[in-house]
Amino acid sequence: AEHKYIKQQKVAIKVINSDMVNDFTRQRLKEEAEHLA
């Protein structure tokens, strides 16, 4: 993906499979995101 306004800025976006998404995984990944950042 690229930034809408800064075209040179590119990122990778991982979309979690829908069959793995539930309240548990949302909470777990949210908690981990704070550490991973």
Full PDB file with SEQRES, HELIX, SHEET, SSBOND, CRYST1, ORIGX, SCALE, CONECT and MASTER records, all heavy atoms in Angstrom:
SEQRES   1 A   37  ALA GLU HIS LYS TYR ILE LYS GLN GLN LYS VAL ALA ILE          
SEQRES   2 A   37  LYS VAL ILE ASN SER ASP MET VAL ASN ASP PHE THR ARG          
SEQRES   3 A   37  GLN ARG LEU LYS GLU GLU ALA GLU HIS LEU ALA                  
HELIX    1 AA1 SER A   18  MET A   20  5                                   3    
HELIX    2 AA2 ASP A   23  LEU A   36  1                                  14    
CRYST1    1.000    1.000    1.000  90.00  90.00  90.00 P 1           1          
ORIGX1      1.000000  0.000000  0.000000        0.00000                         
ORIGX2      0.000000  1.000000  0.000000        0.00000                         
ORIGX3      0.000000  0.000000  1.000000        0.00000                         
SCALE1      1.000000  0.000000  0.000000        0.00000                         
SCALE2      0.000000  1.000000  0.000000        0.00000                         
SCALE3      0.000000  0.000000  1.000000        0.00000                         
ATOM      1  N   ALA A   1       0.849  -1.197   0.000  1.00  0.00           N  
ATOM      2  CA  ALA A   1       0.000   0.000   0.000  1.00  0.00           C  
ATOM      3  C   ALA A   1       0.879   1.238   0.000  1.00  0.00           C  
ATOM      4  O   ALA A   1       2.030   1.204   0.437  1.00  0.00           O  
ATOM      5  CB  ALA A   1      -0.926  -0.006   1.217  1.00  0.00           C  
ATOM      6  N   GLU A   2       0.308   2.337  -0.513  1.00  0.00           N  
ATOM      7  CA  GLU A   2       1.054   3.591  -0.512  1.00  0.00           C  
ATOM      8  C   GLU A   2       0.225   4.684   0.150  1.00  0.00           C  
ATOM      9  O   GLU A   2      -1.014   4.641   0.159  1.00  0.00           O  
ATOM     10  CB  GLU A   2       1.472   3.999  -1.927  1.00  0.00           C  
ATOM     11  CG  GLU A   2       0.329   4.223  -2.878  1.00  0.00           C  
ATOM     12  CD  GLU A   2       0.788   4.558  -4.291  1.00  0.00           C  
ATOM     13  OE1 GLU A   2       1.925   4.177  -4.658  1.00  0.00           O  
ATOM     14  OE2 GLU A   2       0.000   5.200  -5.011  1.00  0.00           O  
ATOM     15  N   HIS A   3       0.917   5.643   0.712  1.00  0.00           N  
ATOM     16  CA  HIS A   3       0.253   6.748   1.405  1.00  0.00           C  
ATOM     17  C   HIS A   3      -0.552   7.571   0.393  1.00  0.00           C  
ATOM     18  O   HIS A   3      -0.106   7.814  -0.722  1.00  0.00           O  
ATOM     19  CB  HIS A   3       1.304   7.616   2.089  1.00  0.00           C  
ATOM     20  CG  HIS A   3       0.749   8.484   3.163  1.00  0.00           C  
ATOM     21  ND1 HIS A   3       0.070   9.660   2.893  1.00  0.00           N  
ATOM     22  CD2 HIS A   3       0.758   8.356   4.526  1.00  0.00           C  
ATOM     23  CE1 HIS A   3      -0.304  10.222   4.032  1.00  0.00           C  
ATOM     24  NE2 HIS A   3       0.091   9.445   5.042  1.00  0.00           N  
ATOM     25  N   LYS A   4      -1.741   7.976   0.812  1.00  0.00           N  
ATOM     26  CA  LYS A   4      -2.621   8.705  -0.113  1.00  0.00           C  
ATOM     27  C   LYS A   4      -2.034  10.037  -0.545  1.00  0.00           C  
ATOM     28  O   LYS A   4      -2.285  10.501  -1.664  1.00  0.00           O  
ATOM     29  CB  LYS A   4      -3.979   8.949   0.561  1.00  0.00           C  
ATOM     30  CG  LYS A   4      -4.833   7.705   0.685  1.00  0.00           C  
ATOM     31  CD  LYS A   4      -6.253   8.027   1.140  1.00  0.00           C  
ATOM     32  CE  LYS A   4      -6.286   8.564   2.564  1.00  0.00           C  
ATOM     33  NZ  LYS A   4      -7.697   8.801   3.018  1.00  0.00           N  
ATOM     34  N   TYR A   5      -1.248  10.644   0.329  1.00  0.00           N  
ATOM     35  CA  TYR A   5      -0.734  11.980   0.014  1.00  0.00           C  
ATOM     36  C   TYR A   5       0.771  11.989  -0.235  1.00  0.00           C  
ATOM     37  O   TYR A   5       1.284  12.889  -0.918  1.00  0.00           O  
ATOM     38  CB  TYR A   5      -1.063  12.941   1.161  1.00  0.00           C  
ATOM     39  CG  TYR A   5      -2.532  12.900   1.542  1.00  0.00           C  
ATOM     40  CD1 TYR A   5      -2.927  12.400   2.776  1.00  0.00           C  
ATOM     41  CD2 TYR A   5      -3.511  13.337   0.653  1.00  0.00           C  
ATOM     42  CE1 TYR A   5      -4.270  12.352   3.138  1.00  0.00           C  
ATOM     43  CE2 TYR A   5      -4.862  13.282   0.991  1.00  0.00           C  
ATOM     44  CZ  TYR A   5      -5.237  12.785   2.230  1.00  0.00           C  
ATOM     45  OH  TYR A   5      -6.570  12.722   2.565  1.00  0.00           O  
ATOM     46  N   ILE A   6       1.465  11.019   0.334  1.00  0.00           N  
ATOM     47  CA  ILE A   6       2.919  10.939   0.125  1.00  0.00           C  
ATOM     48  C   ILE A   6       3.180   9.635  -0.628  1.00  0.00           C  
ATOM     49  O   ILE A   6       3.376   8.574  -0.034  1.00  0.00           O  
ATOM     50  CB  ILE A   6       3.675  10.950   1.475  1.00  0.00           C  
ATOM     51  CG1 ILE A   6       3.208  12.118   2.342  1.00  0.00           C  
ATOM     52  CG2 ILE A   6       5.189  11.014   1.246  1.00  0.00           C  
ATOM     53  CD1 ILE A   6       3.743  12.084   3.752  1.00  0.00           C  
ATOM     54  N   LYS A   7       3.150   9.700  -1.941  1.00  0.00           N  
ATOM     55  CA  LYS A   7       3.171   8.489  -2.768  1.00  0.00           C  
ATOM     56  C   LYS A   7       4.446   7.662  -2.586  1.00  0.00           C  
ATOM     57  O   LYS A   7       4.450   6.454  -2.802  1.00  0.00           O  
ATOM     58  CB  LYS A   7       3.020   8.877  -4.253  1.00  0.00           C  
ATOM     59  CG  LYS A   7       1.716   9.579  -4.581  1.00  0.00           C  
ATOM     60  CD  LYS A   7       0.513   8.707  -4.271  1.00  0.00           C  
ATOM     61  CE  LYS A   7      -0.790   9.385  -4.680  1.00  0.00           C  
ATOM     62  NZ  LYS A   7      -1.987   8.568  -4.333  1.00  0.00           N  
ATOM     63  N   GLN A   8       5.536   8.326  -2.213  1.00  0.00           N  
ATOM     64  CA  GLN A   8       6.790   7.591  -2.046  1.00  0.00           C  
ATOM     65  C   GLN A   8       6.790   6.722  -0.780  1.00  0.00           C  
ATOM     66  O   GLN A   8       7.622   5.836  -0.629  1.00  0.00           O  
ATOM     67  CB  GLN A   8       7.983   8.559  -1.983  1.00  0.00           C  
ATOM     68  CG  GLN A   8       8.231   9.350  -3.259  1.00  0.00           C  
ATOM     69  CD  GLN A   8       7.361  10.605  -3.324  1.00  0.00           C  
ATOM     70  OE1 GLN A   8       6.525  10.824  -2.457  1.00  0.00           O  
ATOM     71  NE2 GLN A   8       7.562  11.405  -4.370  1.00  0.00           N  
ATOM     72  N   GLN A   9       5.863   6.985   0.118  1.00  0.00           N  
ATOM     73  CA  GLN A   9       5.818   6.245   1.379  1.00  0.00           C  
ATOM     74  C   GLN A   9       4.972   4.981   1.202  1.00  0.00           C  
ATOM     75  O   GLN A   9       3.765   5.050   1.002  1.00  0.00           O  
ATOM     76  CB  GLN A   9       5.230   7.108   2.501  1.00  0.00           C  
ATOM     77  CG  GLN A   9       5.336   6.451   3.865  1.00  0.00           C  
ATOM     78  CD  GLN A   9       4.789   7.336   4.959  1.00  0.00           C  
ATOM     79  OE1 GLN A   9       3.763   7.034   5.544  1.00  0.00           O  
ATOM     80  NE2 GLN A   9       5.480   8.443   5.232  1.00  0.00           N  
ATOM     81  N   LYS A  10       5.646   3.841   1.269  1.00  0.00           N  
ATOM     82  CA  LYS A  10       4.969   2.559   1.057  1.00  0.00           C  
ATOM     83  C   LYS A  10       4.994   1.743   2.342  1.00  0.00           C  
ATOM     84  O   LYS A  10       5.953   1.821   3.120  1.00  0.00           O  
ATOM     85  CB  LYS A  10       5.625   1.770  -0.081  1.00  0.00           C  
ATOM     86  CG  LYS A  10       5.436   2.413  -1.456  1.00  0.00           C  
ATOM     87  CD  LYS A  10       6.131   1.619  -2.538  1.00  0.00           C  
ATOM     88  CE  LYS A  10       5.750   2.117  -3.927  1.00  0.00           C  
ATOM     89  NZ  LYS A  10       6.003   3.544  -4.124  1.00  0.00           N  
ATOM     90  N   VAL A  11       3.958   0.946   2.546  1.00  0.00           N  
ATOM     91  CA  VAL A  11       3.877   0.063   3.696  1.00  0.00           C  
ATOM     92  C   VAL A  11       3.349  -1.293   3.232  1.00  0.00           C  
ATOM     93  O   VAL A  11       2.822  -1.437   2.130  1.00  0.00           O  
ATOM     94  CB  VAL A  11       2.937   0.625   4.793  1.00  0.00           C  
ATOM     95  CG1 VAL A  11       3.484   1.913   5.370  1.00  0.00           C  
ATOM     96  CG2 VAL A  11       1.517   0.793   4.267  1.00  0.00           C  
ATOM     97  N   ALA A  12       3.517  -2.291   4.107  1.00  0.00           N  
ATOM     98  CA  ALA A  12       2.898  -3.597   3.890  1.00  0.00           C  
ATOM     99  C   ALA A  12       1.746  -3.713   4.882  1.00  0.00           C  
ATOM    100  O   ALA A  12       1.900  -3.408   6.063  1.00  0.00           O  
ATOM    101  CB  ALA A  12       3.916  -4.710   4.116  1.00  0.00           C  
ATOM    102  N   ILE A  13       0.599  -4.127   4.385  1.00  0.00           N  
ATOM    103  CA  ILE A  13      -0.571  -4.284   5.247  1.00  0.00           C  
ATOM    104  C   ILE A  13      -0.973  -5.748   5.267  1.00  0.00           C  
ATOM    105  O   ILE A  13      -1.262  -6.342   4.219  1.00  0.00           O  
ATOM    106  CB  ILE A  13      -1.753  -3.426   4.761  1.00  0.00           C  
ATOM    107  CG1 ILE A  13      -1.378  -1.944   4.818  1.00  0.00           C  
ATOM    108  CG2 ILE A  13      -3.005  -3.707   5.606  1.00  0.00           C  
ATOM    109  CD1 ILE A  13      -2.484  -1.009   4.354  1.00  0.00           C  
ATOM    110  N   LYS A  14      -0.973  -6.328   6.456  1.00  0.00           N  
ATOM    111  CA  LYS A  14      -1.393  -7.717   6.620  1.00  0.00           C  
ATOM    112  C   LYS A  14      -2.851  -7.733   7.056  1.00  0.00           C  
ATOM    113  O   LYS A  14      -3.211  -7.149   8.085  1.00  0.00           O  
ATOM    114  CB  LYS A  14      -0.525  -8.442   7.643  1.00  0.00           C  
ATOM    115  CG  LYS A  14      -0.838  -9.930   7.739  1.00  0.00           C  
ATOM    116  CD  LYS A  14       0.296 -10.687   8.411  1.00  0.00           C  
ATOM    117  CE  LYS A  14       0.156 -12.170   8.183  1.00  0.00           C  
ATOM    118  NZ  LYS A  14       1.318 -12.926   8.640  1.00  0.00           N  
ATOM    119  N   VAL A  15      -3.670  -8.400   6.268  1.00  0.00           N  
ATOM    120  CA  VAL A  15      -5.085  -8.530   6.569  1.00  0.00           C  
ATOM    121  C   VAL A  15      -5.309  -9.921   7.135  1.00  0.00           C  
ATOM    122  O   VAL A  15      -5.076 -10.924   6.451  1.00  0.00           O  
ATOM    123  CB  VAL A  15      -5.955  -8.317   5.313  1.00  0.00           C  
ATOM    124  CG1 VAL A  15      -7.440  -8.361   5.681  1.00  0.00           C  
ATOM    125  CG2 VAL A  15      -5.601  -6.996   4.639  1.00  0.00           C  
ATOM    126  N   ILE A  16      -5.736 -10.009   8.379  1.00  0.00           N  
ATOM    127  CA  ILE A  16      -5.924 -11.298   9.037  1.00  0.00           C  
ATOM    128  C   ILE A  16      -7.123 -12.023   8.421  1.00  0.00           C  
ATOM    129  O   ILE A  16      -8.180 -11.412   8.179  1.00  0.00           O  
ATOM    130  CB  ILE A  16      -6.138 -11.111  10.559  1.00  0.00           C  
ATOM    131  CG1 ILE A  16      -4.975 -10.324  11.164  1.00  0.00           C  
ATOM    132  CG2 ILE A  16      -6.281 -12.476  11.244  1.00  0.00           C  
ATOM    133  CD1 ILE A  16      -3.619 -10.942  10.989  1.00  0.00           C  
ATOM    134  N   ASN A  17      -6.939 -13.325   8.152  1.00  0.00           N  
ATOM    135  CA  ASN A  17      -8.021 -14.114   7.569  1.00  0.00           C  
ATOM    136  C   ASN A  17      -9.280 -14.031   8.425  1.00  0.00           C  
ATOM    137  O   ASN A  17      -9.221 -14.092   9.658  1.00  0.00           O  
ATOM    138  CB  ASN A  17      -7.602 -15.588   7.442  1.00  0.00           C  
ATOM    139  CG  ASN A  17      -6.556 -15.795   6.366  1.00  0.00           C  
ATOM    140  OD1 ASN A  17      -6.441 -14.994   5.434  1.00  0.00           O  
ATOM    141  ND2 ASN A  17      -5.778 -16.850   6.493  1.00  0.00           N  
ATOM    142  N   SER A  18     -10.417 -13.916   7.758  1.00  0.00           N  
ATOM    143  CA  SER A  18     -11.682 -13.732   8.478  1.00  0.00           C  
ATOM    144  C   SER A  18     -12.008 -14.900   9.395  1.00  0.00           C  
ATOM    145  O   SER A  18     -12.620 -14.711  10.448  1.00  0.00           O  
ATOM    146  CB  SER A  18     -12.826 -13.529   7.475  1.00  0.00           C  
ATOM    147  OG  SER A  18     -12.913 -14.646   6.588  1.00  0.00           O  
ATOM    148  N   ASP A  19     -11.578 -16.125   9.021  1.00  0.00           N  
ATOM    149  CA  ASP A  19     -11.890 -17.279   9.865  1.00  0.00           C  
ATOM    150  C   ASP A  19     -11.084 -17.301  11.153  1.00  0.00           C  
ATOM    151  O   ASP A  19     -11.329 -18.119  12.042  1.00  0.00           O  
ATOM    152  CB  ASP A  19     -11.707 -18.583   9.099  1.00  0.00           C  
ATOM    153  CG  ASP A  19     -10.280 -18.780   8.586  1.00  0.00           C  
ATOM    154  OD1 ASP A  19      -9.483 -17.829   8.664  1.00  0.00           O  
ATOM    155  OD2 ASP A  19      -9.958 -19.890   8.116  1.00  0.00           O  
ATOM    156  N   MET A  20     -10.084 -16.413  11.254  1.00  0.00           N  
ATOM    157  CA  MET A  20      -9.280 -16.331  12.474  1.00  0.00           C  
ATOM    158  C   MET A  20      -9.670 -15.135  13.337  1.00  0.00           C  
ATOM    159  O   MET A  20      -9.135 -14.949  14.426  1.00  0.00           O  
ATOM    160  CB  MET A  20      -7.790 -16.231  12.132  1.00  0.00           C  
ATOM    161  CG  MET A  20      -7.230 -17.459  11.426  1.00  0.00           C  
ATOM    162  SD  MET A  20      -5.433 -17.403  11.325  1.00  0.00           S  
ATOM    163  CE  MET A  20      -4.979 -17.608  13.046  1.00  0.00           C  
ATOM    164  N   VAL A  21     -10.591 -14.337  12.838  1.00  0.00           N  
ATOM    165  CA  VAL A  21     -10.957 -13.116  13.554  1.00  0.00           C  
ATOM    166  C   VAL A  21     -12.122 -13.397  14.499  1.00  0.00           C  
ATOM    167  O   VAL A  21     -13.192 -13.861  14.093  1.00  0.00           O  
ATOM    168  CB  VAL A  21     -11.342 -11.999  12.570  1.00  0.00           C  
ATOM    169  CG1 VAL A  21     -11.833 -10.771  13.333  1.00  0.00           C  
ATOM    170  CG2 VAL A  21     -10.149 -11.628  11.695  1.00  0.00           C  
ATOM    171  N   ASN A  22     -11.893 -13.143  15.769  1.00  0.00           N  
ATOM    172  CA  ASN A  22     -12.939 -13.224  16.784  1.00  0.00           C  
ATOM    173  C   ASN A  22     -12.549 -12.273  17.910  1.00  0.00           C  
ATOM    174  O   ASN A  22     -11.515 -11.596  17.843  1.00  0.00           O  
ATOM    175  CB  ASN A  22     -13.117 -14.666  17.290  1.00  0.00           C  
ATOM    176  CG  ASN A  22     -11.804 -15.291  17.736  1.00  0.00           C  
ATOM    177  OD1 ASN A  22     -11.028 -14.671  18.475  1.00  0.00           O  
ATOM    178  ND2 ASN A  22     -11.525 -16.507  17.281  1.00  0.00           N  
ATOM    179  N   ASP A  23     -13.364 -12.220  18.921  1.00  0.00           N  
ATOM    180  CA  ASP A  23     -13.082 -11.287  20.015  1.00  0.00           C  
ATOM    181  C   ASP A  23     -11.738 -11.585  20.681  1.00  0.00           C  
ATOM    182  O   ASP A  23     -11.011 -10.676  21.089  1.00  0.00           O  
ATOM    183  CB  ASP A  23     -14.210 -11.355  21.059  1.00  0.00           C  
ATOM    184  CG  ASP A  23     -15.512 -10.757  20.534  1.00  0.00           C  
ATOM    185  OD1 ASP A  23     -15.444  -9.990  19.547  1.00  0.00           O  
ATOM    186  OD2 ASP A  23     -16.580 -11.059  21.097  1.00  0.00           O  
ATOM    187  N   PHE A  24     -11.396 -12.890  20.763  1.00  0.00           N  
ATOM    188  CA  PHE A  24     -10.131 -13.275  21.394  1.00  0.00           C  
ATOM    189  C   PHE A  24      -8.941 -12.768  20.593  1.00  0.00           C  
ATOM    190  O   PHE A  24      -8.013 -12.161  21.142  1.00  0.00           O  
ATOM    191  CB  PHE A  24     -10.065 -14.797  21.541  1.00  0.00           C  
ATOM    192  CG  PHE A  24      -8.731 -15.300  22.008  1.00  0.00           C  
ATOM    193  CD1 PHE A  24      -8.361 -15.210  23.346  1.00  0.00           C  
ATOM    194  CD2 PHE A  24      -7.821 -15.850  21.117  1.00  0.00           C  
ATOM    195  CE1 PHE A  24      -7.126 -15.658  23.776  1.00  0.00           C  
ATOM    196  CE2 PHE A  24      -6.584 -16.303  21.536  1.00  0.00           C  
ATOM    197  CZ  PHE A  24      -6.240 -16.211  22.872  1.00  0.00           C  
ATOM    198  N   THR A  25      -8.959 -13.024  19.262  1.00  0.00           N  
ATOM    199  CA  THR A  25      -7.810 -12.605  18.446  1.00  0.00           C  
ATOM    200  C   THR A  25      -7.719 -11.085  18.366  1.00  0.00           C  
ATOM    201  O   THR A  25      -6.610 -10.527  18.324  1.00  0.00           O  
ATOM    202  CB  THR A  25      -7.881 -13.201  17.024  1.00  0.00           C  
ATOM    203  OG1 THR A  25      -9.141 -12.858  16.422  1.00  0.00           O  
ATOM    204  CG2 THR A  25      -7.716 -14.706  17.054  1.00  0.00           C  
ATOM    205  N   ARG A  26      -8.860 -10.412  18.330  1.00  0.00           N  
ATOM    206  CA  ARG A  26      -8.814  -8.943  18.318  1.00  0.00           C  
ATOM    207  C   ARG A  26      -8.125  -8.410  19.568  1.00  0.00           C  
ATOM    208  O   ARG A  26      -7.271  -7.527  19.493  1.00  0.00           O  
ATOM    209  CB  ARG A  26     -10.233  -8.375  18.217  1.00  0.00           C  
ATOM    210  CG  ARG A  26     -10.887  -8.543  16.853  1.00  0.00           C  
ATOM    211  CD  ARG A  26     -12.167  -7.728  16.757  1.00  0.00           C  
ATOM    212  NE  ARG A  26     -12.916  -8.069  15.554  1.00  0.00           N  
ATOM    213  CZ  ARG A  26     -13.911  -8.950  15.514  1.00  0.00           C  
ATOM    214  NH1 ARG A  26     -14.283  -9.570  16.631  1.00  0.00           N  
ATOM    215  NH2 ARG A  26     -14.533  -9.202  14.391  1.00  0.00           N  
ATOM    216  N   GLN A  27      -8.516  -8.957  20.724  1.00  0.00           N  
ATOM    217  CA  GLN A  27      -7.935  -8.496  21.978  1.00  0.00           C  
ATOM    218  C   GLN A  27      -6.463  -8.871  22.068  1.00  0.00           C  
ATOM    219  O   GLN A  27      -5.627  -8.069  22.482  1.00  0.00           O  
ATOM    220  CB  GLN A  27      -8.700  -9.088  23.166  1.00  0.00           C  
ATOM    221  CG  GLN A  27      -8.209  -8.629  24.536  1.00  0.00           C  
ATOM    222  CD  GLN A  27      -8.282  -7.126  24.727  1.00  0.00           C  
ATOM    223  OE1 GLN A  27      -9.164  -6.463  24.146  1.00  0.00           O  
ATOM    224  NE2 GLN A  27      -7.356  -6.565  25.502  1.00  0.00           N  
ATOM    225  N   ARG A  28      -6.150 -10.116  21.635  1.00  0.00           N  
ATOM    226  CA  ARG A  28      -4.765 -10.590  21.720  1.00  0.00           C  
ATOM    227  C   ARG A  28      -3.844  -9.749  20.841  1.00  0.00           C  
ATOM    228  O   ARG A  28      -2.774  -9.309  21.271  1.00  0.00           O  
ATOM    229  CB  ARG A  28      -4.702 -12.061  21.305  1.00  0.00           C  
ATOM    230  CG  ARG A  28      -3.300 -12.636  21.352  1.00  0.00           C  
ATOM    231  CD  ARG A  28      -3.325 -14.117  21.083  1.00  0.00           C  
ATOM    232  NE  ARG A  28      -1.980 -14.657  21.154  1.00  0.00           N  
ATOM    233  CZ  ARG A  28      -1.670 -15.850  21.655  1.00  0.00           C  
ATOM    234  NH1 ARG A  28      -2.618 -16.604  22.159  1.00  0.00           N  
ATOM    235  NH2 ARG A  28      -0.431 -16.272  21.668  1.00  0.00           N  
ATOM    236  N   LEU A  29      -4.253  -9.508  19.599  1.00  0.00           N  
ATOM    237  CA  LEU A  29      -3.407  -8.740  18.688  1.00  0.00           C  
ATOM    238  C   LEU A  29      -3.323  -7.280  19.111  1.00  0.00           C  
ATOM    239  O   LEU A  29      -2.288  -6.630  18.908  1.00  0.00           O  
ATOM    240  CB  LEU A  29      -3.938  -8.861  17.261  1.00  0.00           C  
ATOM    241  CG  LEU A  29      -3.668 -10.211  16.595  1.00  0.00           C  
ATOM    242  CD1 LEU A  29      -4.391 -10.306  15.259  1.00  0.00           C  
ATOM    243  CD2 LEU A  29      -2.175 -10.420  16.388  1.00  0.00           C  
ATOM    244  N   LYS A  30      -4.379  -6.751  19.705  1.00  0.00           N  
ATOM    245  CA  LYS A  30      -4.327  -5.371  20.199  1.00  0.00           C  
ATOM    246  C   LYS A  30      -3.276  -5.245  21.301  1.00  0.00           C  
ATOM    247  O   LYS A  30      -2.477  -4.299  21.326  1.00  0.00           O  
ATOM    248  CB  LYS A  30      -5.694  -4.954  20.717  1.00  0.00           C  
ATOM    249  CG  LYS A  30      -5.740  -3.540  21.290  1.00  0.00           C  
ATOM    250  CD  LYS A  30      -7.145  -3.202  21.761  1.00  0.00           C  
ATOM    251  CE  LYS A  30      -7.193  -1.779  22.332  1.00  0.00           C  
ATOM    252  NZ  LYS A  30      -6.357  -1.650  23.554  1.00  0.00           N  
ATOM    253  N   GLU A  31      -3.260  -6.207  22.221  1.00  0.00           N  
ATOM    254  CA  GLU A  31      -2.286  -6.185  23.304  1.00  0.00           C  
ATOM    255  C   GLU A  31      -0.870  -6.321  22.764  1.00  0.00           C  
ATOM    256  O   GLU A  31       0.060  -5.622  23.206  1.00  0.00           O  
ATOM    257  CB  GLU A  31      -2.585  -7.310  24.302  1.00  0.00           C  
ATOM    258  CG  GLU A  31      -3.880  -7.099  25.087  1.00  0.00           C  
ATOM    259  CD  GLU A  31      -4.272  -8.318  25.899  1.00  0.00           C  
ATOM    260  OE1 GLU A  31      -3.579  -9.365  25.745  1.00  0.00           O  
ATOM    261  OE2 GLU A  31      -5.249  -8.255  26.656  1.00  0.00           O  
ATOM    262  N   GLU A  32      -0.708  -7.224  21.796  1.00  0.00           N  
ATOM    263  CA  GLU A  32       0.633  -7.423  21.236  1.00  0.00           C  
ATOM    264  C   GLU A  32       1.080  -6.223  20.423  1.00  0.00           C  
ATOM    265  O   GLU A  32       2.272  -5.894  20.387  1.00  0.00           O  
ATOM    266  CB  GLU A  32       0.667  -8.695  20.389  1.00  0.00           C  
ATOM    267  CG  GLU A  32       0.531  -9.956  21.215  1.00  0.00           C  
ATOM    268  CD  GLU A  32       0.905 -11.207  20.438  1.00  0.00           C  
ATOM    269  OE1 GLU A  32       1.318 -11.072  19.278  1.00  0.00           O  
ATOM    270  OE2 GLU A  32       0.790 -12.289  21.018  1.00  0.00           O  
ATOM    271  N   ALA A  33       0.132  -5.563  19.752  1.00  0.00           N  
ATOM    272  CA  ALA A  33       0.491  -4.409  18.933  1.00  0.00           C  
ATOM    273  C   ALA A  33       1.197  -3.341  19.758  1.00  0.00           C  
ATOM    274  O   ALA A  33       2.136  -2.683  19.287  1.00  0.00           O  
ATOM    275  CB  ALA A  33      -0.764  -3.829  18.284  1.00  0.00           C  
ATOM    276  N   GLU A  34       0.759  -3.163  21.011  1.00  0.00           N  
ATOM    277  CA  GLU A  34       1.387  -2.178  21.886  1.00  0.00           C  
ATOM    278  C   GLU A  34       2.848  -2.521  22.144  1.00  0.00           C  
ATOM    279  O   GLU A  34       3.695  -1.634  22.250  1.00  0.00           O  
ATOM    280  CB  GLU A  34       0.610  -2.093  23.198  1.00  0.00           C  
ATOM    281  CG  GLU A  34      -0.821  -1.589  23.026  1.00  0.00           C  
ATOM    282  CD  GLU A  34      -1.610  -1.652  24.326  1.00  0.00           C  
ATOM    283  OE1 GLU A  34      -1.035  -2.104  25.339  1.00  0.00           O  
ATOM    284  OE2 GLU A  34      -2.783  -1.244  24.323  1.00  0.00           O  
ATOM    285  N   HIS A  35       3.146  -3.825  22.269  1.00  0.00           N  
ATOM    286  CA  HIS A  35       4.530  -4.248  22.490  1.00  0.00           C  
ATOM    287  C   HIS A  35       5.334  -4.208  21.186  1.00  0.00           C  
ATOM    288  O   HIS A  35       6.478  -3.757  21.160  1.00  0.00           O  
ATOM    289  CB  HIS A  35       4.565  -5.656  23.076  1.00  0.00           C  
ATOM    290  CG  HIS A  35       4.064  -5.740  24.482  1.00  0.00           C  
ATOM    291  ND1 HIS A  35       2.733  -5.790  24.777  1.00  0.00           N  
ATOM    292  CD2 HIS A  35       4.730  -5.760  25.662  1.00  0.00           C  
ATOM    293  CE1 HIS A  35       2.585  -5.852  26.095  1.00  0.00           C  
ATOM    294  NE2 HIS A  35       3.778  -5.825  26.662  1.00  0.00           N  
ATOM    295  N   LEU A  36       4.712  -4.663  20.105  1.00  0.00           N  
ATOM    296  CA  LEU A  36       5.434  -4.735  18.836  1.00  0.00           C  
ATOM    297  C   LEU A  36       5.819  -3.355  18.332  1.00  0.00           C  
ATOM    298  O   LEU A  36       6.861  -3.183  17.692  1.00  0.00           O  
ATOM    299  CB  LEU A  36       4.581  -5.461  17.788  1.00  0.00           C  
ATOM    300  CG  LEU A  36       4.250  -6.923  18.109  1.00  0.00           C  
ATOM    301  CD1 LEU A  36       3.230  -7.476  17.131  1.00  0.00           C  
ATOM    302  CD2 LEU A  36       5.513  -7.774  18.094  1.00  0.00           C  
ATOM    303  N   ALA A  37       4.979  -2.362  18.626  1.00  0.00           N  
ATOM    304  CA  ALA A  37       5.283  -1.002  18.185  1.00  0.00           C  
ATOM    305  C   ALA A  37       6.536  -0.456  18.857  1.00  0.00           C  
ATOM    306  O   ALA A  37       7.157   0.490  18.364  1.00  0.00           O  
ATOM    307  CB  ALA A  37       4.095  -0.088  18.466  1.00  0.00           C  
TER     308      ALA A  37                                                      
MASTER        0    0    0    2    0    0    0    6  307    1    0    3          
END                                                                             
